[in-house]
Amino acid sequence: MTGKELDAPVIVTVMDGYSSVSEALSVTLDELDLGREDAAASQLARRVAEVLDRERDGRKTAELARQMLAVLESLGATPAARKAVLPQGGPAERSPTQQAKDSLKAEMQDELNVRRAARGSTS
């Protein structure tokens, strides 16, 4: 690529029907199992996406895109990042957040079953 190509206005086409990088990022972040400890990285990704949506300078866009990918990788939101955490031959173990949610769900189900049994219901 020549310097002239980098200075040309960059038009970003976002796939899958999203109208902006910010919108696509929001969907991505919503799908991730992020904990409170990921809030700073998540917020940084949102800020970079907002700037990317407005940026027209090719060089700045390229730098912001590199920064965005680095943040997304740190959150496990890229194919390469997901592949890196998958053990050979199978899916990744459930995260501590996922395990806590599973445990809470099981406890709630147990409590519901106890209440139903106390009422004499079998449903």
N, C-alpha and C. Protein backbone atom coordinates (compact mmCIF):
# COMPACT_ATOMS: atom_id res chain seq x y z
N MET A 1 0.84 -1.17 0.00
CA MET A 1 0.00 0.00 0.00
C MET A 1 0.89 1.24 0.00
N THR A 2 0.53 2.22 -0.75
CA THR A 2 1.29 3.46 -0.76
C THR A 2 0.70 4.42 0.25
N GLY A 3 1.47 5.44 0.60
CA GLY A 3 0.99 6.46 1.53
C GLY A 3 -0.26 7.14 1.02
N LYS A 4 -0.34 7.33 -0.31
CA LYS A 4 -1.49 7.99 -0.90
C LYS A 4 -2.78 7.21 -0.63
N GLU A 5 -2.69 5.86 -0.73
CA GLU A 5 -3.87 5.05 -0.46
C GLU A 5 -4.33 5.18 0.99
N LEU A 6 -3.39 5.32 1.92
CA LEU A 6 -3.73 5.46 3.33
C LEU A 6 -4.42 6.79 3.62
N ASP A 7 -4.10 7.81 2.83
CA ASP A 7 -4.69 9.11 3.06
C ASP A 7 -6.08 9.26 2.46
N ALA A 8 -6.48 8.31 1.63
CA ALA A 8 -7.80 8.38 1.01
C ALA A 8 -8.87 8.17 2.07
N PRO A 9 -10.05 8.78 1.89
CA PRO A 9 -11.13 8.54 2.85
C PRO A 9 -11.46 7.06 2.92
N VAL A 10 -11.72 6.61 4.10
CA VAL A 10 -12.03 5.20 4.31
C VAL A 10 -13.53 5.07 4.51
N ILE A 11 -14.12 4.19 3.74
CA ILE A 11 -15.54 3.92 3.90
C ILE A 11 -15.65 2.51 4.45
N VAL A 12 -16.18 2.40 5.64
CA VAL A 12 -16.29 1.10 6.29
C VAL A 12 -17.68 0.55 6.03
N THR A 13 -17.74 -0.62 5.48
CA THR A 13 -19.01 -1.31 5.29
C THR A 13 -19.11 -2.35 6.37
N VAL A 14 -20.09 -2.24 7.20
CA VAL A 14 -20.27 -3.18 8.29
C VAL A 14 -21.23 -4.27 7.82
N MET A 15 -20.82 -5.51 7.98
CA MET A 15 -21.58 -6.65 7.47
C MET A 15 -22.74 -7.00 8.40
N ASP A 16 -23.55 -7.91 7.94
CA ASP A 16 -24.65 -8.49 8.72
C ASP A 16 -25.70 -7.48 9.14
N GLY A 17 -25.86 -6.40 8.40
CA GLY A 17 -26.94 -5.48 8.67
C GLY A 17 -26.70 -4.45 9.75
N TYR A 18 -25.51 -4.38 10.28
CA TYR A 18 -25.22 -3.37 11.30
C TYR A 18 -24.83 -2.08 10.61
N SER A 19 -25.32 -0.97 11.13
CA SER A 19 -25.09 0.32 10.47
C SER A 19 -23.81 0.99 10.93
N SER A 20 -23.17 0.47 11.97
CA SER A 20 -21.95 1.11 12.46
C SER A 20 -21.09 0.09 13.20
N VAL A 21 -19.86 0.45 13.41
CA VAL A 21 -18.96 -0.39 14.20
C VAL A 21 -19.50 -0.45 15.63
N SER A 22 -19.99 0.67 16.14
CA SER A 22 -20.53 0.71 17.50
C SER A 22 -21.68 -0.27 17.68
N GLU A 23 -22.56 -0.32 16.70
CA GLU A 23 -23.70 -1.23 16.78
C GLU A 23 -23.24 -2.68 16.75
N ALA A 24 -22.33 -3.01 15.85
CA ALA A 24 -21.81 -4.37 15.77
C ALA A 24 -21.08 -4.75 17.05
N LEU A 25 -20.34 -3.80 17.61
CA LEU A 25 -19.62 -4.06 18.85
C LEU A 25 -20.59 -4.33 20.00
N SER A 26 -21.66 -3.57 20.09
CA SER A 26 -22.64 -3.78 21.15
C SER A 26 -23.20 -5.19 21.12
N VAL A 27 -23.50 -5.68 19.92
CA VAL A 27 -24.01 -7.04 19.78
C VAL A 27 -22.93 -8.03 20.23
N THR A 28 -21.71 -7.80 19.83
CA THR A 28 -20.60 -8.68 20.21
C THR A 28 -20.42 -8.71 21.72
N LEU A 29 -20.38 -7.54 22.34
CA LEU A 29 -20.17 -7.48 23.79
C LEU A 29 -21.33 -8.12 24.55
N ASP A 30 -22.55 -7.98 24.02
CA ASP A 30 -23.72 -8.60 24.66
C ASP A 30 -23.63 -10.12 24.63
N GLU A 31 -22.98 -10.67 23.62
CA GLU A 31 -22.87 -12.12 23.48
C GLU A 31 -21.76 -12.71 24.34
N LEU A 32 -20.82 -11.89 24.77
CA LEU A 32 -19.71 -12.37 25.58
C LEU A 32 -20.13 -12.53 27.03
N ASP A 33 -19.46 -13.41 27.72
CA ASP A 33 -19.73 -13.61 29.14
C ASP A 33 -18.73 -12.76 29.92
N LEU A 34 -18.99 -11.46 29.97
CA LEU A 34 -18.06 -10.54 30.61
C LEU A 34 -18.44 -10.30 32.06
N GLY A 35 -17.44 -10.24 32.89
CA GLY A 35 -17.66 -9.93 34.30
C GLY A 35 -17.33 -8.48 34.58
N ARG A 36 -17.47 -8.09 35.82
CA ARG A 36 -17.16 -6.71 36.23
C ARG A 36 -15.71 -6.37 35.94
N GLU A 37 -14.86 -7.39 36.01
CA GLU A 37 -13.43 -7.15 35.78
C GLU A 37 -13.13 -6.78 34.33
N ASP A 38 -14.10 -6.96 33.44
CA ASP A 38 -13.92 -6.63 32.03
C ASP A 38 -14.50 -5.27 31.66
N ALA A 39 -15.02 -4.55 32.63
CA ALA A 39 -15.73 -3.29 32.35
C ALA A 39 -14.83 -2.26 31.67
N ALA A 40 -13.60 -2.13 32.11
CA ALA A 40 -12.71 -1.12 31.52
C ALA A 40 -12.42 -1.43 30.06
N ALA A 41 -12.11 -2.69 29.77
CA ALA A 41 -11.82 -3.07 28.39
C ALA A 41 -13.06 -2.91 27.51
N SER A 42 -14.20 -3.27 28.06
CA SER A 42 -15.45 -3.13 27.32
C SER A 42 -15.73 -1.67 27.00
N GLN A 43 -15.55 -0.80 27.99
CA GLN A 43 -15.79 0.63 27.79
C GLN A 43 -14.79 1.22 26.80
N LEU A 44 -13.54 0.76 26.87
CA LEU A 44 -12.52 1.22 25.92
C LEU A 44 -12.91 0.83 24.50
N ALA A 45 -13.37 -0.40 24.33
CA ALA A 45 -13.81 -0.84 23.00
C ALA A 45 -14.95 0.03 22.49
N ARG A 46 -15.89 0.37 23.36
CA ARG A 46 -17.01 1.24 22.94
C ARG A 46 -16.52 2.62 22.51
N ARG A 47 -15.57 3.17 23.26
CA ARG A 47 -15.04 4.50 22.90
C ARG A 47 -14.31 4.46 21.56
N VAL A 48 -13.49 3.43 21.35
CA VAL A 48 -12.77 3.30 20.09
C VAL A 48 -13.76 3.13 18.94
N ALA A 49 -14.80 2.34 19.14
CA ALA A 49 -15.81 2.13 18.10
C ALA A 49 -16.50 3.44 17.73
N GLU A 50 -16.83 4.25 18.72
CA GLU A 50 -17.47 5.54 18.46
C GLU A 50 -16.58 6.43 17.60
N VAL A 51 -15.30 6.47 17.93
CA VAL A 51 -14.36 7.29 17.16
C VAL A 51 -14.20 6.71 15.76
N LEU A 52 -14.12 5.38 15.65
CA LEU A 52 -14.01 4.74 14.34
C LEU A 52 -15.19 5.09 13.44
N ASP A 53 -16.38 5.15 14.02
CA ASP A 53 -17.57 5.47 13.23
C ASP A 53 -17.50 6.87 12.63
N ARG A 54 -16.79 7.77 13.28
CA ARG A 54 -16.70 9.16 12.80
C ARG A 54 -15.45 9.44 11.98
N GLU A 55 -14.43 8.62 12.13
CA GLU A 55 -13.12 8.91 11.53
C GLU A 55 -13.14 8.75 10.02
N ARG A 56 -12.48 9.67 9.33
CA ARG A 56 -12.39 9.63 7.86
C ARG A 56 -10.95 9.55 7.38
N ASP A 57 -9.99 9.79 8.25
CA ASP A 57 -8.59 9.73 7.87
C ASP A 57 -8.13 8.27 7.85
N GLY A 58 -7.57 7.84 6.74
CA GLY A 58 -7.16 6.45 6.57
C GLY A 58 -6.14 5.98 7.58
N ARG A 59 -5.15 6.79 7.84
CA ARG A 59 -4.11 6.39 8.80
C ARG A 59 -4.68 6.26 10.22
N LYS A 60 -5.49 7.22 10.60
CA LYS A 60 -6.09 7.17 11.94
C LYS A 60 -7.04 5.98 12.06
N THR A 61 -7.79 5.72 10.99
CA THR A 61 -8.71 4.59 11.00
C THR A 61 -7.94 3.28 11.15
N ALA A 62 -6.84 3.15 10.44
CA ALA A 62 -6.03 1.93 10.54
C ALA A 62 -5.49 1.75 11.95
N GLU A 63 -5.02 2.82 12.57
CA GLU A 63 -4.49 2.74 13.93
C GLU A 63 -5.61 2.39 14.93
N LEU A 64 -6.76 3.03 14.77
CA LEU A 64 -7.89 2.72 15.66
C LEU A 64 -8.36 1.28 15.49
N ALA A 65 -8.34 0.80 14.25
CA ALA A 65 -8.75 -0.58 13.99
C ALA A 65 -7.79 -1.55 14.68
N ARG A 66 -6.50 -1.26 14.65
CA ARG A 66 -5.53 -2.11 15.35
C ARG A 66 -5.80 -2.09 16.86
N GLN A 67 -6.08 -0.91 17.39
CA GLN A 67 -6.39 -0.81 18.82
C GLN A 67 -7.66 -1.59 19.16
N MET A 68 -8.66 -1.46 18.30
CA MET A 68 -9.92 -2.16 18.54
C MET A 68 -9.70 -3.67 18.53
N LEU A 69 -8.94 -4.17 17.57
CA LEU A 69 -8.68 -5.61 17.53
C LEU A 69 -7.93 -6.08 18.77
N ALA A 70 -7.00 -5.28 19.26
CA ALA A 70 -6.26 -5.65 20.47
C ALA A 70 -7.21 -5.77 21.66
N VAL A 71 -8.13 -4.82 21.79
CA VAL A 71 -9.09 -4.87 22.90
C VAL A 71 -10.02 -6.07 22.73
N LEU A 72 -10.50 -6.29 21.51
CA LEU A 72 -11.39 -7.42 21.26
C LEU A 72 -10.69 -8.75 21.55
N GLU A 73 -9.43 -8.85 21.18
CA GLU A 73 -8.67 -10.07 21.47
C GLU A 73 -8.55 -10.28 22.97
N SER A 74 -8.30 -9.19 23.71
CA SER A 74 -8.16 -9.32 25.16
C SER A 74 -9.46 -9.78 25.81
N LEU A 75 -10.59 -9.49 25.17
CA LEU A 75 -11.90 -9.91 25.69
C LEU A 75 -12.32 -11.28 25.15
N GLY A 76 -11.50 -11.86 24.27
CA GLY A 76 -11.85 -13.15 23.68
C GLY A 76 -12.91 -13.04 22.60
N ALA A 77 -12.95 -11.90 21.93
CA ALA A 77 -14.02 -11.63 20.97
C ALA A 77 -13.58 -11.72 19.51
N THR A 78 -12.48 -12.39 19.25
CA THR A 78 -12.06 -12.61 17.86
C THR A 78 -11.89 -14.11 17.66
N PRO A 79 -12.00 -14.57 16.42
CA PRO A 79 -11.80 -16.01 16.18
C PRO A 79 -10.44 -16.51 16.69
N ALA A 80 -9.39 -15.73 16.49
CA ALA A 80 -8.06 -16.14 16.94
C ALA A 80 -8.00 -16.24 18.46
N ALA A 81 -8.62 -15.29 19.16
CA ALA A 81 -8.62 -15.31 20.62
C ALA A 81 -9.40 -16.50 21.15
N ARG A 82 -10.53 -16.79 20.53
CA ARG A 82 -11.33 -17.94 20.97
C ARG A 82 -10.59 -19.24 20.71
N LYS A 83 -9.92 -19.34 19.58
CA LYS A 83 -9.17 -20.54 19.26
C LYS A 83 -8.03 -20.76 20.25
N ALA A 84 -7.41 -19.66 20.69
CA ALA A 84 -6.28 -19.75 21.61
C ALA A 84 -6.70 -20.28 22.98
N VAL A 85 -7.95 -20.06 23.38
CA VAL A 85 -8.37 -20.51 24.70
C VAL A 85 -9.06 -21.87 24.69
N LEU A 86 -9.36 -22.38 23.51
CA LEU A 86 -9.99 -23.69 23.43
C LEU A 86 -8.96 -24.79 23.64
N PRO A 87 -9.22 -25.71 24.54
CA PRO A 87 -8.30 -26.83 24.69
C PRO A 87 -8.36 -27.73 23.47
N GLN A 88 -7.32 -28.48 23.23
CA GLN A 88 -7.28 -29.38 22.09
C GLN A 88 -8.44 -30.37 22.18
N GLY A 89 -9.18 -30.47 21.09
CA GLY A 89 -10.22 -31.47 21.00
C GLY A 89 -11.53 -31.16 21.68
N GLY A 90 -11.74 -29.94 22.16
CA GLY A 90 -13.02 -29.69 22.80
C GLY A 90 -13.23 -28.24 23.16
N PRO A 91 -14.41 -27.94 23.64
CA PRO A 91 -14.72 -26.56 24.01
C PRO A 91 -14.01 -26.15 25.29
N ALA A 92 -13.93 -24.86 25.48
CA ALA A 92 -13.30 -24.31 26.68
C ALA A 92 -14.16 -24.63 27.90
N GLU A 93 -13.50 -24.70 29.05
CA GLU A 93 -14.25 -24.89 30.28
C GLU A 93 -15.08 -23.64 30.55
N ARG A 94 -16.11 -23.79 31.33
CA ARG A 94 -16.95 -22.64 31.66
C ARG A 94 -16.18 -21.69 32.56
N SER A 95 -16.35 -20.41 32.30
CA SER A 95 -15.66 -19.38 33.07
C SER A 95 -16.21 -19.35 34.49
N PRO A 96 -15.47 -18.73 35.43
CA PRO A 96 -15.98 -18.60 36.79
C PRO A 96 -17.34 -17.90 36.84
N THR A 97 -17.55 -16.92 35.98
CA THR A 97 -18.84 -16.22 35.94
C THR A 97 -19.94 -17.18 35.49
N GLN A 98 -19.64 -17.96 34.44
CA GLN A 98 -20.63 -18.93 33.96
C GLN A 98 -20.92 -19.98 35.03
N GLN A 99 -19.87 -20.44 35.72
CA GLN A 99 -20.05 -21.44 36.77
C GLN A 99 -20.92 -20.88 37.91
N ALA A 100 -20.69 -19.62 38.28
CA ALA A 100 -21.50 -19.01 39.33
C ALA A 100 -22.96 -18.90 38.91
N LYS A 101 -23.19 -18.52 37.66
CA LYS A 101 -24.57 -18.44 37.16
C LYS A 101 -25.23 -19.81 37.17
N ASP A 102 -24.47 -20.84 36.74
CA ASP A 102 -25.00 -22.20 36.74
C ASP A 102 -25.36 -22.64 38.16
N SER A 103 -24.49 -22.33 39.11
CA SER A 103 -24.70 -22.71 40.50
C SER A 103 -25.96 -22.03 41.06
N LEU A 104 -26.09 -20.73 40.79
CA LEU A 104 -27.27 -19.99 41.27
C LEU A 104 -28.54 -20.56 40.66
N LYS A 105 -28.49 -20.87 39.37
CA LYS A 105 -29.66 -21.44 38.69
C LYS A 105 -30.04 -22.78 39.32
N ALA A 106 -29.03 -23.62 39.61
CA ALA A 106 -29.29 -24.92 40.23
C ALA A 106 -29.89 -24.74 41.63
N GLU A 107 -29.36 -23.78 42.39
CA GLU A 107 -29.90 -23.53 43.73
C GLU A 107 -31.35 -23.07 43.67
N MET A 108 -31.64 -22.20 42.72
CA MET A 108 -33.01 -21.71 42.57
C MET A 108 -33.95 -22.85 42.17
N GLN A 109 -33.48 -23.74 41.29
CA GLN A 109 -34.30 -24.87 40.88
C GLN A 109 -34.54 -25.82 42.05
N ASP A 110 -33.49 -26.04 42.86
CA ASP A 110 -33.64 -26.89 44.05
C ASP A 110 -34.67 -26.30 45.02
N GLU A 111 -34.58 -25.00 45.23
CA GLU A 111 -35.53 -24.34 46.14
C GLU A 111 -36.96 -24.46 45.61
N LEU A 112 -37.12 -24.28 44.30
CA LEU A 112 -38.43 -24.42 43.69
C LEU A 112 -38.97 -25.84 43.87
N ASN A 113 -38.11 -26.84 43.68
CA ASN A 113 -38.52 -28.23 43.85
C ASN A 113 -38.94 -28.51 45.29
N VAL A 114 -38.23 -27.95 46.27
CA VAL A 114 -38.58 -28.13 47.69
C VAL A 114 -39.95 -27.52 47.96
N ARG A 115 -40.19 -26.32 47.45
CA ARG A 115 -41.49 -25.66 47.67
C ARG A 115 -42.62 -26.46 47.03
N ARG A 116 -42.38 -26.98 45.82
CA ARG A 116 -43.42 -27.77 45.15
C ARG A 116 -43.71 -29.04 45.95
N ALA A 117 -42.66 -29.68 46.44
CA ALA A 117 -42.85 -30.91 47.23
C ALA A 117 -43.62 -30.61 48.50
N ALA A 118 -43.34 -29.46 49.12
CA ALA A 118 -44.04 -29.08 50.36
C ALA A 118 -45.52 -28.84 50.11
N ARG A 119 -45.87 -28.37 48.92
CA ARG A 119 -47.28 -28.13 48.56
C ARG A 119 -47.97 -29.41 48.11
N GLY A 120 -47.17 -30.43 47.84
CA GLY A 120 -47.75 -31.68 47.35
C GLY A 120 -47.89 -31.71 45.85
N SER A 121 -47.29 -30.74 45.16
CA SER A 121 -47.33 -30.67 43.71
C SER A 121 -46.20 -31.50 43.11
N THR A 122 -46.48 -32.12 41.98
CA THR A 122 -45.44 -32.91 41.31
C THR A 122 -44.99 -32.29 40.01
N SER A 123 -45.42 -31.05 39.70
CA SER A 123 -45.04 -30.44 38.44
C SER A 123 -43.67 -29.89 38.45
